C-alpha atoms as a PDB file:
ATOM      1  CA  MET A   1       6.051 -11.408 -32.916  1.00  0.00           C
ATOM      2  CA  LEU A   2       5.522  -8.550 -35.324  1.00  0.00           C
ATOM      3  CA  SER A   3       3.257 -10.688 -37.504  1.00  0.00           C
ATOM      4  CA  HIS A   4       0.812 -10.835 -34.586  1.00  0.00           C
ATOM      5  CA  LEU A   5       0.505  -7.047 -34.293  1.00  0.00           C
ATOM      6  CA  THR A   6      -2.667  -5.507 -35.659  1.00  0.00           C
ATOM      7  CA  GLY A   7      -4.543  -2.246 -35.391  1.00  0.00           C
ATOM      8  CA  SER A   8      -3.073   0.429 -33.136  1.00  0.00           C
ATOM      9  CA  ALA A   9      -0.247  -1.883 -32.009  1.00  0.00           C
ATOM     10  CA  LEU A  10       0.914  -2.228 -35.601  1.00  0.00           C
ATOM     11  CA  ASP A  11       0.491   1.509 -36.143  1.00  0.00           C
ATOM     12  CA  CYS A  12       2.916   2.162 -33.252  1.00  0.00           C
ATOM     13  CA  PHE A  13       5.544  -0.211 -34.639  1.00  0.00           C
ATOM     14  CA  GLU A  14       8.981   1.323 -35.122  1.00  0.00           C
ATOM     15  CA  PRO A  15      11.603  -0.279 -37.406  1.00  0.00           C
ATOM     16  CA  THR A  16      14.260   0.103 -34.682  1.00  0.00           C
ATOM     17  CA  TRP A  17      12.391  -2.566 -32.702  1.00  0.00           C
ATOM     18  CA  LEU A  18      13.512  -5.212 -35.212  1.00  0.00           C
ATOM     19  CA  SER A  19      17.061  -5.207 -33.899  1.00  0.00           C
ATOM     20  CA  ASP A  20      16.375  -5.021 -30.153  1.00  0.00           C
ATOM     21  CA  PHE A  21      13.763  -7.187 -28.427  1.00  0.00           C
ATOM     22  CA  ALA A  22      14.034  -5.277 -25.134  1.00  0.00           C
ATOM     23  CA  LEU A  23      13.345  -2.048 -27.004  1.00  0.00           C
ATOM     24  CA  PHE A  24      10.353  -3.727 -28.685  1.00  0.00           C
ATOM     25  CA  VAL A  25       8.867  -4.765 -25.321  1.00  0.00           C
ATOM     26  CA  GLU A  26       9.608  -1.327 -23.856  1.00  0.00           C
ATOM     27  CA  GLY A  27       7.789   0.328 -26.752  1.00  0.00           C
ATOM     28  CA  LEU A  28       4.752  -1.890 -26.361  1.00  0.00           C
ATOM     29  CA  GLU A  29       4.623  -1.272 -22.608  1.00  0.00           C
ATOM     30  CA  ALA A  30       4.987   2.481 -23.098  1.00  0.00           C
ATOM     31  CA  ASN A  31       2.092   2.534 -25.538  1.00  0.00           C
ATOM     32  CA  PHE A  32      -0.198  -0.146 -24.132  1.00  0.00           C
ATOM     33  CA  GLY A  33       0.771  -0.751 -20.513  1.00  0.00           C
ATOM     34  CA  SER A  34       2.435  -3.585 -18.705  1.00  0.00           C
ATOM     35  CA  LEU A  35       2.561  -7.132 -20.005  1.00  0.00           C
ATOM     36  CA  ASN A  36       2.044  -8.451 -16.483  1.00  0.00           C
ATOM     37  CA  PRO A  37       0.759  -5.757 -14.097  1.00  0.00           C
ATOM     38  CA  VAL A  38       0.260  -8.167 -11.178  1.00  0.00           C
ATOM     39  CA  SER A  39       3.865  -9.386 -11.257  1.00  0.00           C
ATOM     40  CA  GLU A  40       5.110  -5.835 -11.572  1.00  0.00           C
ATOM     41  CA  ALA A  41       3.002  -4.742  -8.592  1.00  0.00           C
ATOM     42  CA  GLU A  42       4.331  -7.693  -6.564  1.00  0.00           C
ATOM     43  CA  ALA A  43       7.931  -6.802  -7.393  1.00  0.00           C
ATOM     44  CA  GLU A  44       7.352  -3.145  -6.569  1.00  0.00           C
ATOM     45  CA  LEU A  45       5.640  -4.058  -3.301  1.00  0.00           C
ATOM     46  CA  GLU A  46       8.556  -6.306  -2.306  1.00  0.00           C
ATOM     47  CA  GLY A  47      10.984  -3.464  -2.990  1.00  0.00           C
ATOM     48  CA  LEU A  48       8.950  -0.729  -1.339  1.00  0.00           C
ATOM     49  CA  HIS A  49      10.633   0.826   1.697  1.00  0.00           C
ATOM     50  CA  MET A  50       9.699   3.816   3.785  1.00  0.00           C
ATOM     51  CA  GLN A  51      12.356   6.495   3.452  1.00  0.00           C
ATOM     52  CA  GLU A  52      13.886   8.050   6.577  1.00  0.00           C
ATOM     53  CA  ASN A  53      12.684  11.512   5.579  1.00  0.00           C
ATOM     54  CA  HIS A  54       9.138  10.452   4.578  1.00  0.00           C
ATOM     55  CA  LYS A  55       6.027  10.258   6.666  1.00  0.00           C
ATOM     56  CA  ALA A  56       4.309   6.933   7.285  1.00  0.00           C
ATOM     57  CA  MET A  57       1.218   8.195   5.449  1.00  0.00           C
ATOM     58  CA  LYS A  58       3.180   8.463   2.193  1.00  0.00           C
ATOM     59  CA  TYR A  59       4.556   4.934   2.601  1.00  0.00           C
ATOM     60  CA  PHE A  60       1.142   3.430   3.328  1.00  0.00           C
ATOM     61  CA  MET A  61      -0.572   5.274   0.491  1.00  0.00           C
ATOM     62  CA  LYS A  62       1.815   3.650  -1.996  1.00  0.00           C
ATOM     63  CA  PHE A  63       1.697   0.337  -0.143  1.00  0.00           C
ATOM     64  CA  MET A  64      -2.100   0.146  -0.273  1.00  0.00           C
ATOM     65  CA  GLN A  65      -2.157   1.165  -3.938  1.00  0.00           C
ATOM     66  CA  LEU A  66       0.129  -1.777  -4.769  1.00  0.00           C
ATOM     67  CA  ALA A  67      -1.585  -4.160  -2.330  1.00  0.00           C
ATOM     68  CA  ALA A  68      -4.844  -3.666  -4.211  1.00  0.00           C
ATOM     69  CA  CYS A  69      -3.180  -5.079  -7.345  1.00  0.00           C
ATOM     70  CA  VAL A  70      -1.877  -8.337  -5.872  1.00  0.00           C
ATOM     71  CA  GLN A  71      -3.535 -11.509  -4.634  1.00  0.00           C
ATOM     72  CA  TRP A  72      -1.689 -11.745  -1.316  1.00  0.00           C
ATOM     73  CA  GLY A  73      -3.397 -12.604   1.948  1.00  0.00           C
ATOM     74  CA  GLU A  74      -3.594 -10.359   4.993  1.00  0.00           C
ATOM     75  CA  ALA A  75      -0.713 -12.071   6.806  1.00  0.00           C
ATOM     76  CA  THR A  76       1.651 -11.700   3.844  1.00  0.00           C
ATOM     77  CA  LEU A  77       0.697  -8.060   3.353  1.00  0.00           C
ATOM     78  CA  LEU A  78       1.155  -7.397   7.072  1.00  0.00           C
ATOM     79  CA  GLN A  79       4.646  -8.892   7.017  1.00  0.00           C
ATOM     80  CA  GLN A  80       5.577  -6.986   3.854  1.00  0.00           C
ATOM     81  CA  ALA A  81       4.295  -3.716   5.340  1.00  0.00           C
ATOM     82  CA  TYR A  82       6.465  -4.312   8.413  1.00  0.00           C
ATOM     83  CA  ASN A  83       9.508  -5.231   6.307  1.00  0.00           C
ATOM     84  CA  GLY A  84       9.334  -1.904   4.485  1.00  0.00           C
ATOM     85  CA  LEU A  85       9.278   0.274   7.589  1.00  0.00           C
ATOM     86  CA  VAL A  86      12.270   2.339   8.666  1.00  0.00           C
ATOM     87  CA  LYS A  87      14.361   0.909  11.498  1.00  0.00           C
ATOM     88  CA  CYS A  88      13.493   3.621  14.033  1.00  0.00           C
ATOM     89  CA  ILE A  89       9.764   2.817  13.755  1.00  0.00           C
ATOM     90  CA  LYS A  90      10.424  -0.927  14.043  1.00  0.00           C
ATOM     91  CA  ASN A  91      12.512  -0.271  17.150  1.00  0.00           C
ATOM     92  CA  ASP A  92       9.684   1.723  18.742  1.00  0.00           C
ATOM     93  CA  MET A  93       7.126  -0.990  17.927  1.00  0.00           C
ATOM     94  CA  VAL A  94       8.594  -3.285  20.580  1.00  0.00           C
ATOM     95  CA  HIS A  95       6.955  -1.045  23.199  1.00  0.00           C
ATOM     96  CA  HIS A  96       3.454  -1.735  21.821  1.00  0.00           C
ATOM     97  CA  ASP A  97       1.207  -4.730  21.254  1.00  0.00           C
ATOM     98  CA  LYS A  98       2.044  -6.448  17.975  1.00  0.00           C
ATOM     99  CA  PRO A  99      -0.462  -5.454  15.247  1.00  0.00           C
ATOM    100  CA  THR A 100      -2.367  -8.375  13.759  1.00  0.00           C
ATOM    101  CA  THR A 101      -3.983  -6.544  10.846  1.00  0.00           C
ATOM    102  CA  LEU A 102      -2.832  -4.288   8.066  1.00  0.00           C
ATOM    103  CA  SER A 103      -4.943  -1.423   9.370  1.00  0.00           C
ATOM    104  CA  GLY A 104      -3.467  -2.019  12.837  1.00  0.00           C
ATOM    105  CA  ILE A 105       0.117  -1.720  11.642  1.00  0.00           C
ATOM    106  CA  ARG A 106      -0.792   1.374   9.640  1.00  0.00           C
ATOM    107  CA  ARG A 107      -2.377   3.062  12.673  1.00  0.00           C
ATOM    108  CA  LEU A 108       0.499   2.142  14.988  1.00  0.00           C
ATOM    109  CA  THR A 109       3.105   3.262  12.468  1.00  0.00           C
ATOM    110  CA  GLN A 110       1.377   6.599  11.962  1.00  0.00           C
ATOM    111  CA  ALA A 111       1.082   7.117  15.718  1.00  0.00           C
ATOM    112  CA  ILE A 112       4.793   6.410  16.216  1.00  0.00           C
ATOM    113  CA  ASP A 113       5.689   8.593  13.234  1.00  0.00           C
ATOM    114  CA  ALA A 114       3.659  11.493  14.623  1.00  0.00           C
END
């Protein structure tokens, strides 16, 4: 792999990378960004959960930032947004009409959270 490095990538090369591939990849990502930003955004979106002590606005700000990086449809994003909500908000949602859009679930969540 090192033989393919040129320019600034080669300038950033560190000899310690020769013995540890994971360290090599980590160094490249630290200096030049992710090797696969879409996959990383998808993984982060799947693991994103609203914390009990956080406001819905904070959750949805991060959610929308990640959603802009992936190629998911509205229905998948809607389901993922719901999956990441705290249990108390999900429990309160049963008393309302089910949101059918991402903006609808955001508005309802923020209203319940308020």
